[in-house]
C-alpha cells in the first residue's frame, strides 16, 4: 500500500518527516506526488481510503464511510442478484462477498 497518514502535535515535525520520507523514497526510486501531499490541521474533515475522518466535539477522531462507497456496494448487490437469477453465481458466492465487505466496513457505517 502506498497511502499513509501521520498525526502529530507539531507542523514543523510533520514538515521534517515529509522531507525524510521524500529522501527515503528517492533512494528507492519512488515518486511522491506533491499535489496529493497535504499537511493540515485536523479541524477539517478529510478523506483517506474511502473513509471520512473528522475530530468530534470530544476530541476523538471518528471514521465514517463515504456514502458513494455504500451506494456502489448496493449497485453491486443488484448486479449480483441478476447473476444469481441467471445461475452464473451461486448464493454462497454472493453471501461471501457481502459478508467480506460488511466485515471490513461495518464499524464505519453510521446513519444520522
Protein backbone atom coordinates (compact mmCIF):
# COMPACT_ATOMS: atom_id res chain seq x y z
CA UNK A 1 0.00 0.00 0.00
CA UNK A 2 1.38 3.40 -0.88
CA UNK A 3 -1.04 5.63 1.04
CA UNK A 4 -0.41 6.72 4.60
CA UNK A 5 -1.04 9.49 7.10
CA UNK A 6 0.86 10.80 10.11
CA UNK A 7 -0.69 12.68 13.01
CA UNK A 8 1.45 14.96 15.16
CA UNK A 9 1.12 17.92 17.52
CA UNK A 10 3.64 19.98 15.57
CA UNK A 11 3.55 21.12 11.94
CA UNK A 12 7.33 21.59 11.98
CA UNK A 13 7.77 17.93 12.90
CA UNK A 14 5.48 16.94 10.03
CA UNK A 15 7.46 19.05 7.54
CA UNK A 16 10.69 17.39 8.76
CA UNK A 17 9.11 13.95 8.45
CA UNK A 18 7.93 14.76 4.94
CA UNK A 19 11.45 15.72 3.89
CA UNK A 20 12.83 12.49 5.40
CA UNK A 21 10.14 10.46 3.62
CA UNK A 22 11.00 12.16 0.33
CA UNK A 23 14.68 11.33 0.79
CA UNK A 24 13.94 7.69 1.60
CA UNK A 25 11.51 7.45 -1.31
CA UNK A 26 14.11 8.90 -3.66
CA UNK A 27 16.59 6.18 -2.58
CA UNK A 28 14.05 3.53 -3.59
CA UNK A 29 13.06 5.30 -6.80
CA UNK A 30 9.57 6.15 -5.54
CA UNK A 31 7.94 9.41 -6.61
CA UNK A 32 5.84 11.39 -4.12
CA UNK A 33 3.13 13.46 -5.77
CA UNK A 34 3.34 17.00 -4.34
CA UNK A 35 -0.23 17.83 -5.42
CA UNK A 36 -1.68 14.99 -3.34
CA UNK A 37 0.54 15.51 -0.30
CA UNK A 38 -1.06 17.64 2.38
CA UNK A 39 -0.15 18.88 5.83
CA UNK A 40 -3.20 20.30 7.54
CA UNK A 41 -4.94 20.79 10.86
CA UNK A 42 -7.38 18.14 11.92
CA UNK A 43 -10.14 20.67 12.48
CA UNK A 44 -11.47 19.89 8.98
CA UNK A 45 -12.89 16.67 7.66
CA UNK A 46 -10.66 14.73 5.26
CA UNK A 47 -10.99 11.57 3.22
CA UNK A 48 -8.46 8.75 3.19
CA UNK A 49 -9.03 5.36 1.53
CA UNK A 50 -12.80 5.79 1.07
CA UNK A 51 -13.20 6.83 4.71
CA UNK A 52 -14.07 10.30 6.03
CA UNK A 53 -12.13 11.29 9.14
CA UNK A 54 -13.02 14.16 11.45
CA UNK A 55 -12.47 15.24 15.03
CA UNK A 56 -15.58 15.04 17.22
CA UNK A 57 -16.53 17.61 19.83
CA UNK A 58 -14.95 15.40 22.49
CA UNK A 59 -11.62 15.32 20.62
CA UNK A 60 -11.86 11.77 19.29
CA UNK A 61 -11.11 11.01 15.65
CA UNK A 62 -14.22 9.50 14.07
CA UNK A 63 -14.36 7.47 10.87
CA UNK A 64 -17.31 7.15 8.51
CA UNK A 65 -17.68 5.60 5.10
CA UNK A 66 -18.40 7.88 2.18
CA UNK A 67 -22.00 7.48 1.03
CA UNK A 68 -20.81 6.92 -2.55
CA UNK A 69 -18.95 3.83 -1.35
CA UNK A 70 -22.09 2.37 0.24
CA UNK A 71 -24.20 3.19 -2.83
CA UNK A 72 -21.65 1.44 -5.04
CA UNK A 73 -21.99 -1.70 -2.94
CA UNK A 74 -25.80 -1.52 -3.22
CA UNK A 75 -25.48 -1.36 -7.03
CA UNK A 76 -23.06 -4.28 -6.96
CA UNK A 77 -25.53 -6.36 -4.93
CA UNK A 78 -28.22 -5.65 -7.52
CA UNK A 79 -25.87 -6.90 -10.25
CA UNK A 80 -25.12 -9.97 -8.14
CA UNK A 81 -28.85 -10.63 -7.85
CA UNK A 82 -29.14 -10.65 -11.64
CA UNK A 83 -26.15 -13.00 -11.92
CA UNK A 84 -27.72 -15.20 -9.24
CA UNK A 85 -31.02 -15.34 -11.17
CA UNK A 86 -29.11 -16.29 -14.32
CA UNK A 87 -27.31 -19.01 -12.29
CA UNK A 88 -23.89 -17.54 -13.12
CA UNK A 89 -23.10 -17.05 -9.44
CA UNK A 90 -24.15 -19.20 -6.52
CA UNK A 91 -25.92 -17.81 -3.47
CA UNK A 92 -22.91 -18.74 -1.34
CA UNK A 93 -20.60 -16.62 -3.56
CA UNK A 94 -22.86 -13.59 -3.20
CA UNK A 95 -23.22 -14.14 0.53
CA UNK A 96 -19.44 -14.45 1.00
CA UNK A 97 -18.82 -11.27 -0.97
CA UNK A 98 -21.31 -9.33 1.12
CA UNK A 99 -20.05 -10.74 4.42
CA UNK A 100 -16.48 -9.88 3.47
CA UNK A 101 -17.42 -6.30 2.63
CA UNK A 102 -19.58 -5.89 5.73
CA UNK A 103 -16.95 -7.44 8.00
CA UNK A 104 -14.44 -4.88 6.81
CA UNK A 105 -16.62 -1.79 6.98
CA UNK A 106 -19.43 -2.37 9.50
CA UNK A 107 -17.73 -0.34 12.26
CA UNK A 108 -17.55 2.70 9.99
CA UNK A 109 -21.18 2.55 8.87
CA UNK A 110 -23.37 5.12 10.59
CA UNK A 111 -26.65 6.79 9.81
CA UNK A 112 -27.86 10.05 11.27
